[in-house]
């Protein structure tokens, strides 16, 4: 739950340190100016790995990833804004138990994650992956390809985790004529996107009813390894596992066994239990698996959405208001 933060003015300008990364490779000068203004004339430093431990010592605010040594070096840090939606890598004990506020992109990435998910799903259901793999020879296999094609109309998507990404997934599923059910840790009734929202105790029921199981949850101690042999045994043998959020919720050996034995029909994945996925993994060899290399998080709008939230939150911080996208560090999201 978001909470008010201590506002007020300081005799010295606020120091904001930016650590660029994969999802924020650079910050344009116009955005740096916006950040300075929102911070009330803040001192803004764009750092790098060589100077990170020095730059963070007197930082008030950080935009980017903070390692344990960096966190421990910081003397006056108040708030960190992650350039990511998942924050499991931030939740080492010092940060989790400390008073520094953590916010993220949660709620801002669902649209492009869901776009990517449906791209992967259609690669399987319409046998596009098979056609691409066969190349010119695909014309000689048209009857076999056509025999395995599936229409999504009337099928059921079971969404595991009903936050921003889960809701974006549901909107697309409905547009494809699918029925939707969802499961969330804190189910809120009355959603217009799904037929029902279940609680954690209904996990097995979700799996049994779904034709497509869409993993849309964060990585937490409760979700790590959740998709194991027992979970796959509860799914329909015709079901597809769809995951564009966190690979560690799947047990790789159990997933491979489920696919090889026919316990489930296929898997459409942008994430893997180990990343990069080792070349010797059986997942590379299975024809009923389509994968992309953890690229679902990319969008031409992502950087601006994130910076817009950061600027709004700087203004909120100075006014002593609750911040958008605050993480409950005990829950992990």
C-alpha atoms as a PDB file:
ATOM      1  CA  UNK A   1       0.000   0.000   0.000  1.00  0.00           C
ATOM      2  CA  UNK A   2       1.299   3.463  -0.866  1.00  0.00           C
ATOM      3  CA  UNK A   3       2.158   5.662   2.083  1.00  0.00           C
ATOM      4  CA  UNK A   4       2.882   9.362   2.465  1.00  0.00           C
ATOM      5  CA  UNK A   5       6.540  10.308   2.471  1.00  0.00           C
ATOM      6  CA  UNK A   6       8.305  13.016   4.366  1.00  0.00           C
ATOM      7  CA  UNK A   7       8.392  16.162   2.272  1.00  0.00           C
ATOM      8  CA  UNK A   8       9.742  19.586   3.032  1.00  0.00           C
ATOM      9  CA  UNK A   9      12.720  21.524   1.806  1.00  0.00           C
ATOM     10  CA  UNK A  10      16.412  21.029   2.426  1.00  0.00           C
ATOM     11  CA  UNK A  11      19.148  23.690   2.568  1.00  0.00           C
ATOM     12  CA  UNK A  12      20.936  21.710  -0.162  1.00  0.00           C
ATOM     13  CA  UNK A  13      19.502  20.618  -3.530  1.00  0.00           C
ATOM     14  CA  UNK A  14      18.194  17.083  -3.736  1.00  0.00           C
ATOM     15  CA  UNK A  15      20.715  14.742  -5.367  1.00  0.00           C
ATOM     16  CA  UNK A  16      19.307  12.332  -7.930  1.00  0.00           C
ATOM     17  CA  UNK A  17      21.539   9.615  -9.364  1.00  0.00           C
ATOM     18  CA  UNK A  18      20.585   7.798 -12.558  1.00  0.00           C
ATOM     19  CA  UNK A  19      22.021   4.386 -13.356  1.00  0.00           C
ATOM     20  CA  UNK A  20      21.200   3.562 -17.013  1.00  0.00           C
ATOM     21  CA  UNK A  21      20.420  -0.032 -17.912  1.00  0.00           C
ATOM     22  CA  UNK A  22      18.837  -2.314 -20.489  1.00  0.00           C
ATOM     23  CA  UNK A  23      15.389  -0.718 -20.244  1.00  0.00           C
ATOM     24  CA  UNK A  24      16.783   2.814 -19.889  1.00  0.00           C
ATOM     25  CA  UNK A  25      19.999   2.945 -21.923  1.00  0.00           C
ATOM     26  CA  UNK A  26      20.143   6.744 -21.944  1.00  0.00           C
ATOM     27  CA  UNK A  27      18.206   9.771 -20.742  1.00  0.00           C
ATOM     28  CA  UNK A  28      17.714  12.625 -23.197  1.00  0.00           C
ATOM     29  CA  UNK A  29      18.733  16.132 -22.162  1.00  0.00           C
ATOM     30  CA  UNK A  30      15.106  17.278 -22.290  1.00  0.00           C
ATOM     31  CA  UNK A  31      14.189  14.580 -19.764  1.00  0.00           C
ATOM     32  CA  UNK A  32      17.128  15.487 -17.550  1.00  0.00           C
ATOM     33  CA  UNK A  33      15.803  19.044 -17.489  1.00  0.00           C
ATOM     34  CA  UNK A  34      12.337  17.759 -16.551  1.00  0.00           C
ATOM     35  CA  UNK A  35      13.851  15.745 -13.718  1.00  0.00           C
ATOM     36  CA  UNK A  36      15.798  18.753 -12.434  1.00  0.00           C
ATOM     37  CA  UNK A  37      12.664  20.907 -12.430  1.00  0.00           C
ATOM     38  CA  UNK A  38      10.508  18.242 -10.761  1.00  0.00           C
ATOM     39  CA  UNK A  39      13.198  17.873  -8.121  1.00  0.00           C
ATOM     40  CA  UNK A  40      13.151  21.597  -7.363  1.00  0.00           C
ATOM     41  CA  UNK A  41      16.483  22.347  -8.978  1.00  0.00           C
ATOM     42  CA  UNK A  42      17.934  18.963  -8.083  1.00  0.00           C
ATOM     43  CA  UNK A  43      21.516  17.975  -8.740  1.00  0.00           C
ATOM     44  CA  UNK A  44      21.164  15.177 -11.317  1.00  0.00           C
ATOM     45  CA  UNK A  45      24.061  12.791 -11.913  1.00  0.00           C
ATOM     46  CA  UNK A  46      24.111  10.177 -14.673  1.00  0.00           C
ATOM     47  CA  UNK A  47      26.411   7.541 -13.212  1.00  0.00           C
ATOM     48  CA  UNK A  48      28.258   4.487 -14.491  1.00  0.00           C
ATOM     49  CA  UNK A  49      29.589   1.258 -12.932  1.00  0.00           C
ATOM     50  CA  UNK A  50      32.995   2.781 -12.211  1.00  0.00           C
ATOM     51  CA  UNK A  51      31.629   5.644 -10.110  1.00  0.00           C
ATOM     52  CA  UNK A  52      28.457   4.037  -8.747  1.00  0.00           C
ATOM     53  CA  UNK A  53      29.697   3.441  -5.199  1.00  0.00           C
ATOM     54  CA  UNK A  54      30.918   7.020  -4.943  1.00  0.00           C
ATOM     55  CA  UNK A  55      27.936   8.681  -6.585  1.00  0.00           C
ATOM     56  CA  UNK A  56      25.367   6.954  -4.394  1.00  0.00           C
ATOM     57  CA  UNK A  57      26.928   7.901  -1.049  1.00  0.00           C
ATOM     58  CA  UNK A  58      25.071  11.219  -0.768  1.00  0.00           C
ATOM     59  CA  UNK A  59      22.170  10.458  -3.124  1.00  0.00           C
ATOM     60  CA  UNK A  60      18.615  11.194  -2.011  1.00  0.00           C
ATOM     61  CA  UNK A  61      16.957   9.465  -4.955  1.00  0.00           C
ATOM     62  CA  UNK A  62      18.076   6.786  -7.410  1.00  0.00           C
ATOM     63  CA  UNK A  63      16.621   5.920 -10.799  1.00  0.00           C
ATOM     64  CA  UNK A  64      17.927   2.481 -11.753  1.00  0.00           C
ATOM     65  CA  UNK A  65      19.236  -0.703 -10.194  1.00  0.00           C
ATOM     66  CA  UNK A  66      20.870  -0.651  -6.755  1.00  0.00           C
ATOM     67  CA  UNK A  67      23.098  -3.551  -5.746  1.00  0.00           C
ATOM     68  CA  UNK A  68      23.646  -4.567  -2.138  1.00  0.00           C
ATOM     69  CA  UNK A  69      27.089  -2.862  -1.941  1.00  0.00           C
ATOM     70  CA  UNK A  70      25.591   0.309  -3.428  1.00  0.00           C
ATOM     71  CA  UNK A  71      22.704   0.275  -0.974  1.00  0.00           C
ATOM     72  CA  UNK A  72      25.053  -0.193   1.952  1.00  0.00           C
ATOM     73  CA  UNK A  73      27.233   2.703   0.735  1.00  0.00           C
ATOM     74  CA  UNK A  74      24.287   5.122   0.581  1.00  0.00           C
ATOM     75  CA  UNK A  75      24.061   7.429   3.602  1.00  0.00           C
ATOM     76  CA  UNK A  76      20.880   9.456   2.933  1.00  0.00           C
ATOM     77  CA  UNK A  77      18.902   7.504   0.365  1.00  0.00           C
ATOM     78  CA  UNK A  78      15.112   7.994   0.581  1.00  0.00           C
ATOM     79  CA  UNK A  79      13.691   6.474  -2.575  1.00  0.00           C
ATOM     80  CA  UNK A  80      14.699   4.140  -5.420  1.00  0.00           C
ATOM     81  CA  UNK A  81      12.720   3.904  -8.649  1.00  0.00           C
ATOM     82  CA  UNK A  82      13.438   0.644 -10.468  1.00  0.00           C
ATOM     83  CA  UNK A  83      13.694   0.684 -14.248  1.00  0.00           C
ATOM     84  CA  UNK A  84      11.842  -2.634 -14.234  1.00  0.00           C
ATOM     85  CA  UNK A  85       8.436  -3.986 -13.287  1.00  0.00           C
ATOM     86  CA  UNK A  86       9.731  -7.047 -11.422  1.00  0.00           C
ATOM     87  CA  UNK A  87      11.840  -6.163  -8.396  1.00  0.00           C
ATOM     88  CA  UNK A  88      12.927  -9.526  -6.973  1.00  0.00           C
ATOM     89  CA  UNK A  89      16.591  -8.589  -7.547  1.00  0.00           C
ATOM     90  CA  UNK A  90      16.197  -5.571  -5.230  1.00  0.00           C
ATOM     91  CA  UNK A  91      14.836  -7.501  -2.278  1.00  0.00           C
ATOM     92  CA  UNK A  92      18.022  -8.442  -0.450  1.00  0.00           C
ATOM     93  CA  UNK A  93      17.645  -8.154   3.317  1.00  0.00           C
ATOM     94  CA  UNK A  94      19.195  -4.716   3.759  1.00  0.00           C
ATOM     95  CA  UNK A  95      16.839  -3.103   1.258  1.00  0.00           C
ATOM     96  CA  UNK A  96      13.787  -5.172   2.167  1.00  0.00           C
ATOM     97  CA  UNK A  97      14.074  -4.418   5.870  1.00  0.00           C
ATOM     98  CA  UNK A  98      15.174  -0.794   5.504  1.00  0.00           C
ATOM     99  CA  UNK A  99      13.156   2.413   5.275  1.00  0.00           C
ATOM    100  CA  UNK A 100      14.036   3.332   1.690  1.00  0.00           C
ATOM    101  CA  UNK A 101      10.941   3.450  -0.525  1.00  0.00           C
ATOM    102  CA  UNK A 102      10.968   1.302  -3.672  1.00  0.00           C
ATOM    103  CA  UNK A 103       8.791   2.027  -6.694  1.00  0.00           C
ATOM    104  CA  UNK A 104       8.732   0.386 -10.094  1.00  0.00           C
ATOM    105  CA  UNK A 105       7.124   0.293 -13.528  1.00  0.00           C
ATOM    106  CA  UNK A 106       4.383  -2.033 -12.321  1.00  0.00           C
ATOM    107  CA  UNK A 107       1.186  -1.318 -14.182  1.00  0.00           C
ATOM    108  CA  UNK A 108       3.045   0.326 -17.079  1.00  0.00           C
ATOM    109  CA  UNK A 109       4.312  -2.694 -19.031  1.00  0.00           C
ATOM    110  CA  UNK A 110       1.233  -4.868 -19.388  1.00  0.00           C
ATOM    111  CA  UNK A 111       0.190  -3.739 -22.854  1.00  0.00           C
ATOM    112  CA  UNK A 112       3.376  -4.728 -24.656  1.00  0.00           C
ATOM    113  CA  UNK A 113       3.851  -7.872 -22.569  1.00  0.00           C
ATOM    114  CA  UNK A 114       0.368  -8.988 -23.594  1.00  0.00           C
ATOM    115  CA  UNK A 115       1.034  -8.133 -27.255  1.00  0.00           C
ATOM    116  CA  UNK A 116       4.140 -10.300 -27.164  1.00  0.00           C
ATOM    117  CA  UNK A 117       2.333 -13.106 -25.370  1.00  0.00           C
ATOM    118  CA  UNK A 118      -0.314 -13.331 -28.051  1.00  0.00           C
ATOM    119  CA  UNK A 119       2.354 -13.299 -30.735  1.00  0.00           C
ATOM    120  CA  UNK A 120       3.928 -16.360 -29.131  1.00  0.00           C
ATOM    121  CA  UNK A 121       0.565 -18.012 -28.576  1.00  0.00           C
ATOM    122  CA  UNK A 122      -0.427 -17.634 -32.227  1.00  0.00           C
ATOM    123  CA  UNK A 123       2.919 -19.072 -33.291  1.00  0.00           C
ATOM    124  CA  UNK A 124       1.727 -22.293 -31.647  1.00  0.00           C
ATOM    125  CA  UNK A 125      -1.999 -22.316 -32.248  1.00  0.00           C
ATOM    126  CA  UNK A 126      -1.759 -21.357 -35.941  1.00  0.00           C
ATOM    127  CA  UNK A 127       1.331 -23.533 -36.521  1.00  0.00           C
ATOM    128  CA  UNK A 128       3.316 -20.504 -37.664  1.00  0.00           C
ATOM    129  CA  UNK A 129       6.422 -21.765 -35.879  1.00  0.00           C
ATOM    130  CA  UNK A 130       6.169 -25.055 -37.770  1.00  0.00           C
ATOM    131  CA  UNK A 131       5.774 -23.299 -41.112  1.00  0.00           C
ATOM    132  CA  UNK A 132       8.776 -21.073 -40.433  1.00  0.00           C
ATOM    133  CA  UNK A 133      10.876 -24.016 -39.300  1.00  0.00           C
ATOM    134  CA  UNK A 134      10.080 -25.968 -42.482  1.00  0.00           C
ATOM    135  CA  UNK A 135      10.806 -23.028 -44.772  1.00  0.00           C
ATOM    136  CA  UNK A 136      10.109 -23.730 -48.468  1.00  0.00           C
ATOM    137  CA  UNK A 137       9.324 -27.356 -47.605  1.00  0.00           C
ATOM    138  CA  UNK A 138       6.253 -26.182 -45.666  1.00  0.00           C
ATOM    139  CA  UNK A 139       4.248 -26.354 -48.903  1.00  0.00           C
ATOM    140  CA  UNK A 140       4.764 -30.105 -48.896  1.00  0.00           C
ATOM    141  CA  UNK A 141       3.332 -30.374 -45.368  1.00  0.00           C
ATOM    142  CA  UNK A 142       0.149 -28.337 -45.709  1.00  0.00           C
ATOM    143  CA  UNK A 143      -2.264 -31.135 -44.666  1.00  0.00           C
ATOM    144  CA  UNK A 144      -0.291 -31.856 -41.479  1.00  0.00           C
ATOM    145  CA  UNK A 145       0.042 -28.162 -40.622  1.00  0.00           C
ATOM    146  CA  UNK A 146      -3.659 -27.538 -41.187  1.00  0.00           C
ATOM    147  CA  UNK A 147      -4.617 -30.553 -39.084  1.00  0.00           C
ATOM    148  CA  UNK A 148      -2.873 -29.093 -36.019  1.00  0.00           C
ATOM    149  CA  UNK A 149      -4.156 -25.517 -36.269  1.00  0.00           C
ATOM    150  CA  UNK A 150      -6.397 -24.263 -33.452  1.00  0.00           C
ATOM    151  CA  UNK A 151      -8.901 -21.404 -33.347  1.00  0.00           C
ATOM    152  CA  UNK A 152      -8.998 -19.550 -30.021  1.00  0.00           C
ATOM    153  CA  UNK A 153     -12.700 -18.692 -30.183  1.00  0.00           C
ATOM    154  CA  UNK A 154     -14.610 -20.230 -27.293  1.00  0.00           C
ATOM    155  CA  UNK A 155     -11.531 -21.492 -25.449  1.00  0.00           C
ATOM    156  CA  UNK A 156     -10.711 -20.478 -21.878  1.00  0.00           C
ATOM    157  CA  UNK A 157      -7.683 -18.514 -20.751  1.00  0.00           C
ATOM    158  CA  UNK A 158      -6.712 -18.968 -17.111  1.00  0.00           C
ATOM    159  CA  UNK A 159      -4.674 -15.980 -15.932  1.00  0.00           C
ATOM    160  CA  UNK A 160      -2.335 -16.567 -12.992  1.00  0.00           C
ATOM    161  CA  UNK A 161      -1.782 -13.116 -11.505  1.00  0.00           C
ATOM    162  CA  UNK A 162      -4.351 -10.430 -12.240  1.00  0.00           C
ATOM    163  CA  UNK A 163      -2.431  -7.164 -12.094  1.00  0.00           C
ATOM    164  CA  UNK A 164      -1.731  -4.831 -14.991  1.00  0.00           C
ATOM    165  CA  UNK A 165      -0.299  -7.538 -17.237  1.00  0.00           C
ATOM    166  CA  UNK A 166      -3.069  -9.993 -16.417  1.00  0.00           C
ATOM    167  CA  UNK A 167      -5.742  -7.422 -17.228  1.00  0.00           C
ATOM    168  CA  UNK A 168      -4.063  -6.508 -20.519  1.00  0.00           C
ATOM    169  CA  UNK A 169      -3.928 -10.217 -21.353  1.00  0.00           C
ATOM    170  CA  UNK A 170      -7.627 -10.589 -20.570  1.00  0.00           C
ATOM    171  CA  UNK A 171      -8.608  -7.698 -22.835  1.00  0.00           C
ATOM    172  CA  UNK A 172      -6.819  -9.304 -25.764  1.00  0.00           C
ATOM    173  CA  UNK A 173      -8.217 -12.734 -24.977  1.00  0.00           C
ATOM    174  CA  UNK A 174     -11.764 -11.362 -24.996  1.00  0.00           C
ATOM    175  CA  UNK A 175     -11.071  -9.718 -28.365  1.00  0.00           C
ATOM    176  CA  UNK A 176     -10.139 -13.179 -29.673  1.00  0.00           C
ATOM    177  CA  UNK A 177     -13.464 -14.562 -28.483  1.00  0.00           C
ATOM    178  CA  UNK A 178     -12.006 -16.370 -25.476  1.00  0.00           C
ATOM    179  CA  UNK A 179     -13.519 -16.745 -22.035  1.00  0.00           C
ATOM    180  CA  UNK A 180     -11.286 -15.622 -19.158  1.00  0.00           C
ATOM    181  CA  UNK A 181     -10.867 -16.683 -15.564  1.00  0.00           C
ATOM    182  CA  UNK A 182      -8.178 -15.328 -13.275  1.00  0.00           C
ATOM    183  CA  UNK A 183      -6.446 -16.042  -9.986  1.00  0.00           C
ATOM    184  CA  UNK A 184      -4.902 -13.407  -7.749  1.00  0.00           C
ATOM    185  CA  UNK A 185      -3.502 -13.261  -4.246  1.00  0.00           C
ATOM    186  CA  UNK A 186      -6.028 -10.564  -3.368  1.00  0.00           C
ATOM    187  CA  UNK A 187      -9.011 -11.213  -5.655  1.00  0.00           C
ATOM    188  CA  UNK A 188     -11.249  -8.220  -6.299  1.00  0.00           C
ATOM    189  CA  UNK A 189     -14.729  -9.108  -7.596  1.00  0.00           C
ATOM    190  CA  UNK A 190     -16.518  -7.201 -10.314  1.00  0.00           C
ATOM    191  CA  UNK A 191     -13.899  -7.213 -13.071  1.00  0.00           C
ATOM    192  CA  UNK A 192     -15.391  -6.693 -16.512  1.00  0.00           C
ATOM    193  CA  UNK A 193     -12.537  -8.500 -18.281  1.00  0.00           C
ATOM    194  CA  UNK A 194     -13.018 -11.956 -16.758  1.00  0.00           C
ATOM    195  CA  UNK A 195     -15.839 -14.293 -15.764  1.00  0.00           C
ATOM    196  CA  UNK A 196     -14.415 -14.791 -12.281  1.00  0.00           C
ATOM    197  CA  UNK A 197     -11.401 -13.933 -10.125  1.00  0.00           C
ATOM    198  CA  UNK A 198     -10.350 -16.717  -7.780  1.00  0.00           C
ATOM    199  CA  UNK A 199      -8.076 -16.799  -4.762  1.00  0.00           C
ATOM    200  CA  UNK A 200      -4.843 -18.747  -4.164  1.00  0.00           C
ATOM    201  CA  UNK A 201      -6.737 -21.799  -2.928  1.00  0.00           C
ATOM    202  CA  UNK A 202      -8.296 -22.234  -6.366  1.00  0.00           C
ATOM    203  CA  UNK A 203      -5.038 -22.775  -8.270  1.00  0.00           C
ATOM    204  CA  UNK A 204      -5.848 -26.371  -9.162  1.00  0.00           C
ATOM    205  CA  UNK A 205      -9.310 -25.380 -10.391  1.00  0.00           C
ATOM    206  CA  UNK A 206      -7.835 -22.684 -12.640  1.00  0.00           C
ATOM    207  CA  UNK A 207      -5.442 -25.197 -14.197  1.00  0.00           C
ATOM    208  CA  UNK A 208      -8.154 -27.794 -14.804  1.00  0.00           C
ATOM    209  CA  UNK A 209     -10.462 -25.331 -16.562  1.00  0.00           C
ATOM    210  CA  UNK A 210      -7.994 -23.451 -18.761  1.00  0.00           C
ATOM    211  CA  UNK A 211      -7.081 -24.178 -22.371  1.00  0.00           C
ATOM    212  CA  UNK A 212      -4.335 -21.557 -22.127  1.00  0.00           C
ATOM    213  CA  UNK A 213      -2.642 -20.892 -18.779  1.00  0.00           C
ATOM    214  CA  UNK A 214      -1.132 -17.397 -18.866  1.00  0.00           C
ATOM    215  CA  UNK A 215       1.492 -16.695 -16.205  1.00  0.00           C
ATOM    216  CA  UNK A 216       1.256 -12.991 -15.314  1.00  0.00           C
ATOM    217  CA  UNK A 217       2.589 -12.989 -11.759  1.00  0.00           C
ATOM    218  CA  UNK A 218       5.681 -11.495 -10.120  1.00  0.00           C
ATOM    219  CA  UNK A 219       8.414 -13.728  -8.736  1.00  0.00           C
ATOM    220  CA  UNK A 220       7.921 -14.177  -4.999  1.00  0.00           C
ATOM    221  CA  UNK A 221       8.693 -16.987  -2.538  1.00  0.00           C
ATOM    222  CA  UNK A 222       5.108 -18.192  -3.095  1.00  0.00           C
ATOM    223  CA  UNK A 223       5.316 -18.269  -6.909  1.00  0.00           C
ATOM    224  CA  UNK A 224       8.862 -19.606  -7.335  1.00  0.00           C
ATOM    225  CA  UNK A 225       8.633 -23.141  -8.717  1.00  0.00           C
ATOM    226  CA  UNK A 226       4.820 -23.006  -8.694  1.00  0.00           C
ATOM    227  CA  UNK A 227       4.568 -24.699 -12.078  1.00  0.00           C
ATOM    228  CA  UNK A 228       5.914 -28.145 -11.278  1.00  0.00           C
ATOM    229  CA  UNK A 229       4.893 -31.732 -12.000  1.00  0.00           C
ATOM    230  CA  UNK A 230       1.773 -31.431  -9.858  1.00  0.00           C
ATOM    231  CA  UNK A 231       0.668 -28.273 -11.639  1.00  0.00           C
ATOM    232  CA  UNK A 232       1.232 -29.725 -15.097  1.00  0.00           C
ATOM    233  CA  UNK A 233      -0.664 -32.872 -14.111  1.00  0.00           C
ATOM    234  CA  UNK A 234      -3.681 -30.702 -13.287  1.00  0.00           C
ATOM    235  CA  UNK A 235      -3.680 -29.011 -16.689  1.00  0.00           C
ATOM    236  CA  UNK A 236      -5.577 -30.339 -19.690  1.00  0.00           C
ATOM    237  CA  UNK A 237      -3.474 -32.443 -22.032  1.00  0.00           C
ATOM    238  CA  UNK A 238      -4.574 -30.016 -24.761  1.00  0.00           C
ATOM    239  CA  UNK A 239      -3.525 -26.925 -22.775  1.00  0.00           C
ATOM    240  CA  UNK A 240      -0.767 -24.452 -23.583  1.00  0.00           C
ATOM    241  CA  UNK A 241       1.440 -22.759 -20.987  1.00  0.00           C
ATOM    242  CA  UNK A 242       2.064 -19.077 -21.795  1.00  0.00           C
ATOM    243  CA  UNK A 243       4.692 -17.174 -19.789  1.00  0.00           C
ATOM    244  CA  UNK A 244       6.145 -13.720 -20.481  1.00  0.00           C
ATOM    245  CA  UNK A 245       6.817 -12.604 -16.899  1.00  0.00           C
ATOM    246  CA  UNK A 246       9.131 -14.710 -14.721  1.00  0.00           C
ATOM    247  CA  UNK A 247      10.845 -17.945 -15.729  1.00  0.00           C
ATOM    248  CA  UNK A 248      11.648 -19.051 -12.206  1.00  0.00           C
ATOM    249  CA  UNK A 249       7.993 -19.821 -11.535  1.00  0.00           C
ATOM    250  CA  UNK A 250       8.528 -22.911 -13.736  1.00  0.00           C
ATOM    251  CA  UNK A 251      10.543 -26.013 -12.850  1.00  0.00           C
ATOM    252  CA  UNK A 252      12.385 -26.725 -16.097  1.00  0.00           C
ATOM    253  CA  UNK A 253      12.773 -30.498 -15.764  1.00  0.00           C
ATOM    254  CA  UNK A 254       9.099 -30.843 -14.858  1.00  0.00           C
ATOM    255  CA  UNK A 255       8.068 -28.700 -17.830  1.00  0.00           C
ATOM    256  CA  UNK A 256      10.189 -30.761 -20.217  1.00  0.00           C
ATOM    257  CA  UNK A 257       8.696 -33.989 -18.846  1.00  0.00           C
ATOM    258  CA  UNK A 258       5.163 -32.619 -19.198  1.00  0.00           C
ATOM    259  CA  UNK A 259       5.803 -31.666 -22.815  1.00  0.00           C
ATOM    260  CA  UNK A 260       7.566 -34.892 -23.764  1.00  0.00           C
ATOM    261  CA  UNK A 261       4.915 -37.074 -22.127  1.00  0.00           C
ATOM    262  CA  UNK A 262       2.001 -35.172 -23.634  1.00  0.00           C
ATOM    263  CA  UNK A 263       0.727 -33.995 -20.251  1.00  0.00           C
ATOM    264  CA  UNK A 264       0.333 -30.560 -21.872  1.00  0.00           C
ATOM    265  CA  UNK A 265       0.145 -29.570 -25.525  1.00  0.00           C
ATOM    266  CA  UNK A 266       2.797 -26.865 -25.705  1.00  0.00           C
ATOM    267  CA  UNK A 267       4.583 -23.893 -24.171  1.00  0.00           C
ATOM    268  CA  UNK A 268       4.976 -20.325 -25.421  1.00  0.00           C
ATOM    269  CA  UNK A 269       7.744 -18.647 -23.448  1.00  0.00           C
ATOM    270  CA  UNK A 270       9.608 -15.354 -23.317  1.00  0.00           C
ATOM    271  CA  UNK A 271      11.309 -16.325 -20.068  1.00  0.00           C
ATOM    272  CA  UNK A 272      13.164 -19.392 -18.806  1.00  0.00           C
ATOM    273  CA  UNK A 273      14.013 -20.843 -15.384  1.00  0.00           C
ATOM    274  CA  UNK A 274      17.690 -20.141 -16.141  1.00  0.00           C
ATOM    275  CA  UNK A 275      18.655 -17.181 -18.307  1.00  0.00           C
ATOM    276  CA  UNK A 276      20.230 -17.273 -20.764  1.00  0.00           C
ATOM    277  CA  UNK A 277      18.723 -20.700 -21.328  1.00  0.00           C
ATOM    278  CA  UNK A 278      21.656 -23.127 -21.780  1.00  0.00           C
ATOM    279  CA  UNK A 279      22.148 -24.485 -25.271  1.00  0.00           C
ATOM    280  CA  UNK A 280      21.832 -28.050 -24.008  1.00  0.00           C
ATOM    281  CA  UNK A 281      18.335 -27.450 -22.594  1.00  0.00           C
ATOM    282  CA  UNK A 282      15.752 -29.845 -24.018  1.00  0.00           C
ATOM    283  CA  UNK A 283      13.379 -26.907 -24.424  1.00  0.00           C
ATOM    284  CA  UNK A 284      15.319 -25.851 -27.533  1.00  0.00           C
ATOM    285  CA  UNK A 285      14.630 -29.193 -29.199  1.00  0.00           C
ATOM    286  CA  UNK A 286      10.923 -29.635 -28.543  1.00  0.00           C
ATOM    287  CA  UNK A 287       8.758 -28.711 -31.553  1.00  0.00           C
ATOM    288  CA  UNK A 288       5.806 -27.807 -29.338  1.00  0.00           C
ATOM    289  CA  UNK A 289       7.785 -24.994 -27.675  1.00  0.00           C
ATOM    290  CA  UNK A 290       8.217 -21.466 -29.015  1.00  0.00           C
ATOM    291  CA  UNK A 291      10.573 -19.093 -27.239  1.00  0.00           C
ATOM    292  CA  UNK A 292      11.910 -15.569 -27.446  1.00  0.00           C
ATOM    293  CA  UNK A 293      14.932 -14.304 -25.452  1.00  0.00           C
ATOM    294  CA  UNK A 294      13.188 -12.268 -22.714  1.00  0.00           C
ATOM    295  CA  UNK A 295      12.315  -9.449 -25.099  1.00  0.00           C
ATOM    296  CA  UNK A 296       8.604  -9.027 -24.318  1.00  0.00           C
ATOM    297  CA  UNK A 297       9.421  -6.010 -22.156  1.00  0.00           C
ATOM    298  CA  UNK A 298      10.454  -3.836 -25.090  1.00  0.00           C
ATOM    299  CA  UNK A 299       8.215  -1.051 -26.393  1.00  0.00           C
ATOM    300  CA  UNK A 300       8.751   2.295 -28.072  1.00  0.00           C
ATOM    301  CA  UNK A 301       6.636   3.799 -25.270  1.00  0.00           C
ATOM    302  CA  UNK A 302       8.318   2.164 -22.271  1.00  0.00           C
ATOM    303  CA  UNK A 303      11.051   4.699 -21.527  1.00  0.00           C
ATOM    304  CA  UNK A 304       8.711   7.675 -21.686  1.00  0.00           C
ATOM    305  CA  UNK A 305       6.069   6.017 -19.536  1.00  0.00           C
ATOM    306  CA  UNK A 306       8.668   5.214 -16.912  1.00  0.00           C
ATOM    307  CA  UNK A 307      10.237   8.680 -16.936  1.00  0.00           C
ATOM    308  CA  UNK A 308       6.799  10.286 -16.753  1.00  0.00           C
ATOM    309  CA  UNK A 309       6.050   8.263 -13.611  1.00  0.00           C
ATOM    310  CA  UNK A 310       9.440   9.147 -12.150  1.00  0.00           C
ATOM    311  CA  UNK A 311       8.850  12.871 -12.727  1.00  0.00           C
ATOM    312  CA  UNK A 312       5.361  12.700 -11.217  1.00  0.00           C
ATOM    313  CA  UNK A 313       6.761  10.875  -8.218  1.00  0.00           C
ATOM    314  CA  UNK A 314       9.506  13.453  -7.730  1.00  0.00           C
ATOM    315  CA  UNK A 315       6.812  16.092  -7.461  1.00  0.00           C
ATOM    316  CA  UNK A 316       4.870  13.883  -5.060  1.00  0.00           C
ATOM    317  CA  UNK A 317       7.989  13.273  -2.975  1.00  0.00           C
ATOM    318  CA  UNK A 318       8.556  16.988  -2.551  1.00  0.00           C
ATOM    319  CA  UNK A 319       4.923  17.465  -1.495  1.00  0.00           C
ATOM    320  CA  UNK A 320       5.076  14.576   0.944  1.00  0.00           C
ATOM    321  CA  UNK A 321       2.492  12.533  -0.968  1.00  0.00           C
ATOM    322  CA  UNK A 322       2.301   8.792  -1.583  1.00  0.00           C
ATOM    323  CA  UNK A 323       4.216   7.605  -4.646  1.00  0.00           C
ATOM    324  CA  UNK A 324       2.822   5.779  -7.672  1.00  0.00           C
ATOM    325  CA  UNK A 325       3.882   2.176  -8.183  1.00  0.00           C
ATOM    326  CA  UNK A 326       5.180   1.639  -4.650  1.00  0.00           C
ATOM    327  CA  UNK A 327       6.362  -1.889  -3.880  1.00  0.00           C
ATOM    328  CA  UNK A 328       5.370  -3.744  -0.749  1.00  0.00           C
ATOM    329  CA  UNK A 329       8.839  -5.081  -0.015  1.00  0.00           C
ATOM    330  CA  UNK A 330       7.497  -7.904   2.139  1.00  0.00           C
ATOM    331  CA  UNK A 331       5.159  -9.179  -0.578  1.00  0.00           C
ATOM    332  CA  UNK A 332       7.628  -8.523  -3.396  1.00  0.00           C
ATOM    333  CA  UNK A 333       5.324  -6.492  -5.656  1.00  0.00           C
END
